[in-house]
């Protein structure tokens, strides 16, 4: 498959078709690429931009989904934006094979080096923001980072489904009922959206990479909304 066809396939995974595909190429170009005799546009400036966009979107998601104090939120944010997390996203997107780099960098395992993969993920986020705006960047973020945010929040709370069940019994209201509301995303990476309802109280929604994860996130959402008497 030609490099151009591989870029087209990547755009499908990203959920966005670049008007200027050269911008995507730049986001995939390591500083070592080229013959050394001419300047090559690489991903460094886009990575700088994407790093800030990633921080903003993660801070926003944590602020909306958690009532923890600033210190706890900061610790979660740092874990979610670190290079290793970004590298995991790069591997899901199969970016390693698409990065343009020198032969020497490639021989040093550059295509699977966390620092390079993390930088490229941030540069792609920067490119999406630069051309498509914040909502385009947020759509990409929601597909690949939101499940990680929800997992981080779920781990910090003791079994939210059990907690919701116990609270319903304590308040003498209906038991929580969970329903799959939507199944979206590509076949290789489905995203589940679940709604949990307590008839007398209301409903919560959550997303996850599997149904169990989405149910936990929905329970967290309803617990945050519920103000017991």
C-alpha atoms as a PDB file:
ATOM      1  CA  UNK A   1       0.000   0.000   0.000  1.00  0.00           C
ATOM      2  CA  UNK A   2       1.339   3.453  -0.911  1.00  0.00           C
ATOM      3  CA  UNK A   3       2.074   6.014   1.802  1.00  0.00           C
ATOM      4  CA  UNK A   4      -0.827   8.130   0.547  1.00  0.00           C
ATOM      5  CA  UNK A   5      -3.244   5.211   0.933  1.00  0.00           C
ATOM      6  CA  UNK A   6      -1.908   4.583   4.441  1.00  0.00           C
ATOM      7  CA  UNK A   7      -2.592   8.233   5.293  1.00  0.00           C
ATOM      8  CA  UNK A   8      -6.146   7.869   3.978  1.00  0.00           C
ATOM      9  CA  UNK A   9      -6.630   4.830   6.221  1.00  0.00           C
ATOM     10  CA  UNK A  10      -5.252   6.777   9.198  1.00  0.00           C
ATOM     11  CA  UNK A  11      -7.732   9.581   8.550  1.00  0.00           C
ATOM     12  CA  UNK A  12     -10.533   7.021   8.832  1.00  0.00           C
ATOM     13  CA  UNK A  13      -9.185   5.966  12.242  1.00  0.00           C
ATOM     14  CA  UNK A  14      -8.879   9.604  13.263  1.00  0.00           C
ATOM     15  CA  UNK A  15     -12.428  10.334  12.154  1.00  0.00           C
ATOM     16  CA  UNK A  16     -11.275  13.389  10.195  1.00  0.00           C
ATOM     17  CA  UNK A  17     -10.303  14.073   6.563  1.00  0.00           C
ATOM     18  CA  UNK A  18      -7.590  16.724   6.339  1.00  0.00           C
ATOM     19  CA  UNK A  19      -8.089  19.485   3.794  1.00  0.00           C
ATOM     20  CA  UNK A  20      -4.312  19.959   3.826  1.00  0.00           C
ATOM     21  CA  UNK A  21      -2.890  16.440   4.074  1.00  0.00           C
ATOM     22  CA  UNK A  22       0.611  17.914   4.160  1.00  0.00           C
ATOM     23  CA  UNK A  23      -0.248  19.008   7.702  1.00  0.00           C
ATOM     24  CA  UNK A  24      -0.820  15.372   8.647  1.00  0.00           C
ATOM     25  CA  UNK A  25       2.457  14.395   6.970  1.00  0.00           C
ATOM     26  CA  UNK A  26       4.272  17.051   9.009  1.00  0.00           C
ATOM     27  CA  UNK A  27       2.670  15.677  12.184  1.00  0.00           C
ATOM     28  CA  UNK A  28       4.208  12.299  11.329  1.00  0.00           C
ATOM     29  CA  UNK A  29       7.701  13.582  10.477  1.00  0.00           C
ATOM     30  CA  UNK A  30      10.467  13.130  13.057  1.00  0.00           C
ATOM     31  CA  UNK A  31      13.289  15.661  13.262  1.00  0.00           C
ATOM     32  CA  UNK A  32      15.817  13.061  12.076  1.00  0.00           C
ATOM     33  CA  UNK A  33      14.082  12.590   8.722  1.00  0.00           C
ATOM     34  CA  UNK A  34      15.772  13.838   5.544  1.00  0.00           C
ATOM     35  CA  UNK A  35      19.170  13.773   3.927  1.00  0.00           C
ATOM     36  CA  UNK A  36      20.748  16.319   6.277  1.00  0.00           C
ATOM     37  CA  UNK A  37      21.286  18.866   3.503  1.00  0.00           C
ATOM     38  CA  UNK A  38      17.952  20.652   3.717  1.00  0.00           C
ATOM     39  CA  UNK A  39      15.514  21.702   6.402  1.00  0.00           C
ATOM     40  CA  UNK A  40      12.530  19.392   6.761  1.00  0.00           C
ATOM     41  CA  UNK A  41       9.277  20.447   8.376  1.00  0.00           C
ATOM     42  CA  UNK A  42       8.863  18.135  11.359  1.00  0.00           C
ATOM     43  CA  UNK A  43       6.299  17.610  14.090  1.00  0.00           C
ATOM     44  CA  UNK A  44       7.937  19.654  16.863  1.00  0.00           C
ATOM     45  CA  UNK A  45       5.803  22.811  16.569  1.00  0.00           C
ATOM     46  CA  UNK A  46       2.597  20.794  16.178  1.00  0.00           C
ATOM     47  CA  UNK A  47       3.590  18.691  19.203  1.00  0.00           C
ATOM     48  CA  UNK A  48       4.014  21.924  21.207  1.00  0.00           C
ATOM     49  CA  UNK A  49       0.479  22.954  20.249  1.00  0.00           C
ATOM     50  CA  UNK A  50      -1.021  19.505  20.771  1.00  0.00           C
ATOM     51  CA  UNK A  51       0.506  19.208  24.235  1.00  0.00           C
ATOM     52  CA  UNK A  52      -1.443  22.302  25.325  1.00  0.00           C
ATOM     53  CA  UNK A  53      -4.666  21.117  23.681  1.00  0.00           C
ATOM     54  CA  UNK A  54      -4.337  17.736  25.411  1.00  0.00           C
ATOM     55  CA  UNK A  55      -3.858  19.426  28.771  1.00  0.00           C
ATOM     56  CA  UNK A  56      -6.902  21.644  28.243  1.00  0.00           C
ATOM     57  CA  UNK A  57      -9.224  18.837  27.147  1.00  0.00           C
ATOM     58  CA  UNK A  58      -8.086  16.550  29.966  1.00  0.00           C
ATOM     59  CA  UNK A  59      -8.492  19.275  32.587  1.00  0.00           C
ATOM     60  CA  UNK A  60     -11.959  20.049  31.217  1.00  0.00           C
ATOM     61  CA  UNK A  61     -13.010  16.382  31.280  1.00  0.00           C
ATOM     62  CA  UNK A  62     -11.754  15.877  34.839  1.00  0.00           C
ATOM     63  CA  UNK A  63     -13.439  19.098  35.999  1.00  0.00           C
ATOM     64  CA  UNK A  64     -16.784  17.995  34.539  1.00  0.00           C
ATOM     65  CA  UNK A  65     -16.639  14.359  35.662  1.00  0.00           C
ATOM     66  CA  UNK A  66     -15.128  14.581  39.144  1.00  0.00           C
ATOM     67  CA  UNK A  67     -15.675  16.562  42.347  1.00  0.00           C
ATOM     68  CA  UNK A  68     -12.223  15.747  43.728  1.00  0.00           C
ATOM     69  CA  UNK A  69      -9.968  18.519  44.993  1.00  0.00           C
ATOM     70  CA  UNK A  70      -7.354  20.274  42.885  1.00  0.00           C
ATOM     71  CA  UNK A  71      -4.496  18.080  44.075  1.00  0.00           C
ATOM     72  CA  UNK A  72      -6.270  14.835  43.160  1.00  0.00           C
ATOM     73  CA  UNK A  73      -7.286  16.232  39.772  1.00  0.00           C
ATOM     74  CA  UNK A  74      -3.720  17.365  39.074  1.00  0.00           C
ATOM     75  CA  UNK A  75      -2.349  13.886  39.815  1.00  0.00           C
ATOM     76  CA  UNK A  76      -4.847  12.284  37.448  1.00  0.00           C
ATOM     77  CA  UNK A  77      -4.148  14.876  34.749  1.00  0.00           C
ATOM     78  CA  UNK A  78      -0.401  14.229  34.945  1.00  0.00           C
ATOM     79  CA  UNK A  79      -0.972  10.488  34.517  1.00  0.00           C
ATOM     80  CA  UNK A  80      -3.326  10.977  31.574  1.00  0.00           C
ATOM     81  CA  UNK A  81      -1.086  13.336  29.569  1.00  0.00           C
ATOM     82  CA  UNK A  82       2.282  11.628  30.164  1.00  0.00           C
ATOM     83  CA  UNK A  83       4.225  10.292  27.186  1.00  0.00           C
ATOM     84  CA  UNK A  84       3.498   6.654  28.026  1.00  0.00           C
ATOM     85  CA  UNK A  85      -0.260   7.256  27.864  1.00  0.00           C
ATOM     86  CA  UNK A  86       0.101   9.137  24.577  1.00  0.00           C
ATOM     87  CA  UNK A  87       2.277   6.301  23.263  1.00  0.00           C
ATOM     88  CA  UNK A  88      -0.483   3.805  24.094  1.00  0.00           C
ATOM     89  CA  UNK A  89      -2.871   5.883  21.972  1.00  0.00           C
ATOM     90  CA  UNK A  90      -0.292   5.923  19.159  1.00  0.00           C
ATOM     91  CA  UNK A  91      -0.113   2.132  19.235  1.00  0.00           C
ATOM     92  CA  UNK A  92      -3.903   1.890  19.023  1.00  0.00           C
ATOM     93  CA  UNK A  93      -3.744   4.134  15.963  1.00  0.00           C
ATOM     94  CA  UNK A  94      -0.814   2.136  14.520  1.00  0.00           C
ATOM     95  CA  UNK A  95       1.208   5.323  14.080  1.00  0.00           C
ATOM     96  CA  UNK A  96       4.646   3.741  14.407  1.00  0.00           C
ATOM     97  CA  UNK A  97       4.726   2.417  10.859  1.00  0.00           C
ATOM     98  CA  UNK A  98       3.725   5.826   9.461  1.00  0.00           C
ATOM     99  CA  UNK A  99       6.351   7.998  11.155  1.00  0.00           C
ATOM    100  CA  UNK A 100       8.948   9.410   8.767  1.00  0.00           C
ATOM    101  CA  UNK A 101      12.365   9.122  10.426  1.00  0.00           C
ATOM    102  CA  UNK A 102      15.996   8.452   9.587  1.00  0.00           C
ATOM    103  CA  UNK A 103      17.284   4.916   9.157  1.00  0.00           C
ATOM    104  CA  UNK A 104      19.508   5.311  12.217  1.00  0.00           C
ATOM    105  CA  UNK A 105      16.561   6.375  14.402  1.00  0.00           C
ATOM    106  CA  UNK A 106      14.564   3.447  13.060  1.00  0.00           C
ATOM    107  CA  UNK A 107      17.397   1.041  13.904  1.00  0.00           C
ATOM    108  CA  UNK A 108      17.308   2.371  17.477  1.00  0.00           C
ATOM    109  CA  UNK A 109      13.709   1.117  17.803  1.00  0.00           C
ATOM    110  CA  UNK A 110      12.382   4.594  17.035  1.00  0.00           C
ATOM    111  CA  UNK A 111       9.067   3.295  15.732  1.00  0.00           C
ATOM    112  CA  UNK A 112       8.157   1.894  19.143  1.00  0.00           C
ATOM    113  CA  UNK A 113       9.927   4.391  21.409  1.00  0.00           C
ATOM    114  CA  UNK A 114       7.428   5.884  23.864  1.00  0.00           C
ATOM    115  CA  UNK A 115       8.908   9.382  23.657  1.00  0.00           C
ATOM    116  CA  UNK A 116       8.563   9.502  19.857  1.00  0.00           C
ATOM    117  CA  UNK A 117       5.132   7.861  19.758  1.00  0.00           C
ATOM    118  CA  UNK A 118       3.896  10.211  22.481  1.00  0.00           C
ATOM    119  CA  UNK A 119       5.180  13.261  20.622  1.00  0.00           C
ATOM    120  CA  UNK A 120       3.527  12.142  17.378  1.00  0.00           C
ATOM    121  CA  UNK A 121       0.176  11.597  19.097  1.00  0.00           C
ATOM    122  CA  UNK A 122       0.330  15.120  20.498  1.00  0.00           C
ATOM    123  CA  UNK A 123       1.381  16.534  17.121  1.00  0.00           C
ATOM    124  CA  UNK A 124      -1.623  14.889  15.452  1.00  0.00           C
ATOM    125  CA  UNK A 125      -3.894  16.371  18.118  1.00  0.00           C
ATOM    126  CA  UNK A 126      -2.263  19.728  17.392  1.00  0.00           C
ATOM    127  CA  UNK A 127      -2.852  19.295  13.646  1.00  0.00           C
ATOM    128  CA  UNK A 128      -6.504  18.392  14.218  1.00  0.00           C
ATOM    129  CA  UNK A 129      -6.932  21.488  16.383  1.00  0.00           C
ATOM    130  CA  UNK A 130      -5.066  23.758  13.962  1.00  0.00           C
ATOM    131  CA  UNK A 131      -7.103  22.782  10.909  1.00  0.00           C
ATOM    132  CA  UNK A 132     -10.407  21.603  12.359  1.00  0.00           C
ATOM    133  CA  UNK A 133     -10.722  23.627  15.546  1.00  0.00           C
ATOM    134  CA  UNK A 134     -11.380  22.631  19.136  1.00  0.00           C
ATOM    135  CA  UNK A 135     -14.462  20.499  18.414  1.00  0.00           C
ATOM    136  CA  UNK A 136     -12.533  18.357  15.926  1.00  0.00           C
ATOM    137  CA  UNK A 137      -9.764  17.898  18.479  1.00  0.00           C
ATOM    138  CA  UNK A 138     -12.347  17.100  21.166  1.00  0.00           C
ATOM    139  CA  UNK A 139     -13.987  14.433  18.988  1.00  0.00           C
ATOM    140  CA  UNK A 140     -10.632  12.675  18.579  1.00  0.00           C
ATOM    141  CA  UNK A 141      -9.918  13.114  22.286  1.00  0.00           C
ATOM    142  CA  UNK A 142     -13.283  11.681  23.297  1.00  0.00           C
ATOM    143  CA  UNK A 143     -12.671   8.553  21.247  1.00  0.00           C
ATOM    144  CA  UNK A 144      -9.185   7.808  22.551  1.00  0.00           C
ATOM    145  CA  UNK A 145      -8.782   9.574  25.919  1.00  0.00           C
ATOM    146  CA  UNK A 146     -12.244   9.812  27.496  1.00  0.00           C
ATOM    147  CA  UNK A 147     -12.363   6.060  28.287  1.00  0.00           C
ATOM    148  CA  UNK A 148      -8.993   6.435  30.014  1.00  0.00           C
ATOM    149  CA  UNK A 149     -10.284   9.393  32.045  1.00  0.00           C
ATOM    150  CA  UNK A 150     -13.348   7.423  33.113  1.00  0.00           C
ATOM    151  CA  UNK A 151     -11.197   4.441  34.081  1.00  0.00           C
ATOM    152  CA  UNK A 152      -8.991   6.701  36.198  1.00  0.00           C
ATOM    153  CA  UNK A 153     -12.035   8.158  37.933  1.00  0.00           C
ATOM    154  CA  UNK A 154     -13.636   4.753  38.460  1.00  0.00           C
ATOM    155  CA  UNK A 155     -10.484   3.425  40.121  1.00  0.00           C
ATOM    156  CA  UNK A 156     -10.591   6.261  42.642  1.00  0.00           C
ATOM    157  CA  UNK A 157     -14.112   5.390  43.706  1.00  0.00           C
ATOM    158  CA  UNK A 158     -15.091   2.243  45.560  1.00  0.00           C
ATOM    159  CA  UNK A 159     -17.318   0.094  43.308  1.00  0.00           C
ATOM    160  CA  UNK A 160     -19.755   2.776  42.080  1.00  0.00           C
ATOM    161  CA  UNK A 161     -22.409   0.222  41.009  1.00  0.00           C
ATOM    162  CA  UNK A 162     -22.538  -1.254  44.509  1.00  0.00           C
ATOM    163  CA  UNK A 163     -22.524   2.210  46.048  1.00  0.00           C
ATOM    164  CA  UNK A 164     -25.469   3.226  43.844  1.00  0.00           C
ATOM    165  CA  UNK A 165     -27.365   0.038  44.710  1.00  0.00           C
ATOM    166  CA  UNK A 166     -26.800   0.587  48.440  1.00  0.00           C
ATOM    167  CA  UNK A 167     -27.868   4.227  48.228  1.00  0.00           C
ATOM    168  CA  UNK A 168     -31.089   3.259  46.425  1.00  0.00           C
ATOM    169  CA  UNK A 169     -31.888   0.736  49.168  1.00  0.00           C
ATOM    170  CA  UNK A 170     -31.051   3.265  51.865  1.00  0.00           C
ATOM    171  CA  UNK A 171     -33.346   5.882  50.317  1.00  0.00           C
ATOM    172  CA  UNK A 172     -36.085   3.264  49.677  1.00  0.00           C
ATOM    173  CA  UNK A 173     -36.335   3.954  45.941  1.00  0.00           C
ATOM    174  CA  UNK A 174     -36.262   1.688  42.883  1.00  0.00           C
ATOM    175  CA  UNK A 175     -33.168  -0.373  42.150  1.00  0.00           C
ATOM    176  CA  UNK A 176     -30.873   0.970  39.416  1.00  0.00           C
ATOM    177  CA  UNK A 177     -31.616  -0.346  35.925  1.00  0.00           C
ATOM    178  CA  UNK A 178     -28.876  -0.357  33.276  1.00  0.00           C
ATOM    179  CA  UNK A 179     -29.494  -0.246  29.517  1.00  0.00           C
ATOM    180  CA  UNK A 180     -27.184  -0.077  26.518  1.00  0.00           C
ATOM    181  CA  UNK A 181     -28.057   3.201  24.786  1.00  0.00           C
ATOM    182  CA  UNK A 182     -25.551   3.218  21.947  1.00  0.00           C
ATOM    183  CA  UNK A 183     -22.728   1.199  20.439  1.00  0.00           C
ATOM    184  CA  UNK A 184     -20.484   3.336  18.250  1.00  0.00           C
ATOM    185  CA  UNK A 185     -16.934   3.562  16.972  1.00  0.00           C
ATOM    186  CA  UNK A 186     -15.069   1.273  14.576  1.00  0.00           C
ATOM    187  CA  UNK A 187     -15.417  -2.501  14.800  1.00  0.00           C
ATOM    188  CA  UNK A 188     -11.892  -2.890  16.159  1.00  0.00           C
ATOM    189  CA  UNK A 189     -12.537  -0.364  18.931  1.00  0.00           C
ATOM    190  CA  UNK A 190     -16.226  -0.135  19.869  1.00  0.00           C
ATOM    191  CA  UNK A 191     -17.430   2.473  22.342  1.00  0.00           C
ATOM    192  CA  UNK A 192     -20.341   1.557  24.614  1.00  0.00           C
ATOM    193  CA  UNK A 193     -22.747   4.145  26.030  1.00  0.00           C
ATOM    194  CA  UNK A 194     -24.928   2.971  28.914  1.00  0.00           C
ATOM    195  CA  UNK A 195     -27.793   4.701  30.725  1.00  0.00           C
ATOM    196  CA  UNK A 196     -28.624   3.856  34.337  1.00  0.00           C
ATOM    197  CA  UNK A 197     -32.026   4.851  35.711  1.00  0.00           C
ATOM    198  CA  UNK A 198     -33.375   5.089  39.237  1.00  0.00           C
ATOM    199  CA  UNK A 199     -37.027   5.828  38.565  1.00  0.00           C
ATOM    200  CA  UNK A 200     -37.637   8.288  41.386  1.00  0.00           C
ATOM    201  CA  UNK A 201     -34.301  10.072  40.977  1.00  0.00           C
ATOM    202  CA  UNK A 202     -33.235  10.314  37.347  1.00  0.00           C
ATOM    203  CA  UNK A 203     -30.593   8.882  35.061  1.00  0.00           C
ATOM    204  CA  UNK A 204     -26.881   8.836  34.515  1.00  0.00           C
ATOM    205  CA  UNK A 205     -24.845   8.128  31.400  1.00  0.00           C
ATOM    206  CA  UNK A 206     -21.416   6.653  30.894  1.00  0.00           C
ATOM    207  CA  UNK A 207     -19.096   5.459  28.157  1.00  0.00           C
ATOM    208  CA  UNK A 208     -16.457   2.755  28.089  1.00  0.00           C
ATOM    209  CA  UNK A 209     -14.560   0.318  25.919  1.00  0.00           C
ATOM    210  CA  UNK A 210     -16.817  -2.472  27.206  1.00  0.00           C
ATOM    211  CA  UNK A 211     -20.282  -2.677  28.746  1.00  0.00           C
ATOM    212  CA  UNK A 212     -19.040  -3.189  32.306  1.00  0.00           C
ATOM    213  CA  UNK A 213     -16.812  -0.137  32.101  1.00  0.00           C
ATOM    214  CA  UNK A 214     -19.671   1.954  30.694  1.00  0.00           C
ATOM    215  CA  UNK A 215     -22.024   0.790  33.479  1.00  0.00           C
ATOM    216  CA  UNK A 216     -19.502   1.855  36.120  1.00  0.00           C
ATOM    217  CA  UNK A 217     -19.121   5.259  34.457  1.00  0.00           C
ATOM    218  CA  UNK A 218     -22.920   5.658  34.308  1.00  0.00           C
ATOM    219  CA  UNK A 219     -23.180   4.814  38.012  1.00  0.00           C
ATOM    220  CA  UNK A 220     -20.527   7.442  38.780  1.00  0.00           C
ATOM    221  CA  UNK A 221     -22.485  10.007  36.737  1.00  0.00           C
ATOM    222  CA  UNK A 222     -25.759   9.358  38.585  1.00  0.00           C
ATOM    223  CA  UNK A 223     -24.044   9.341  41.986  1.00  0.00           C
ATOM    224  CA  UNK A 224     -22.626  12.780  41.208  1.00  0.00           C
ATOM    225  CA  UNK A 225     -26.105  14.096  40.321  1.00  0.00           C
ATOM    226  CA  UNK A 226     -27.939  12.488  43.254  1.00  0.00           C
ATOM    227  CA  UNK A 227     -28.444  14.646  46.332  1.00  0.00           C
ATOM    228  CA  UNK A 228     -29.938  12.272  48.959  1.00  0.00           C
ATOM    229  CA  UNK A 229     -32.241  13.768  51.553  1.00  0.00           C
END
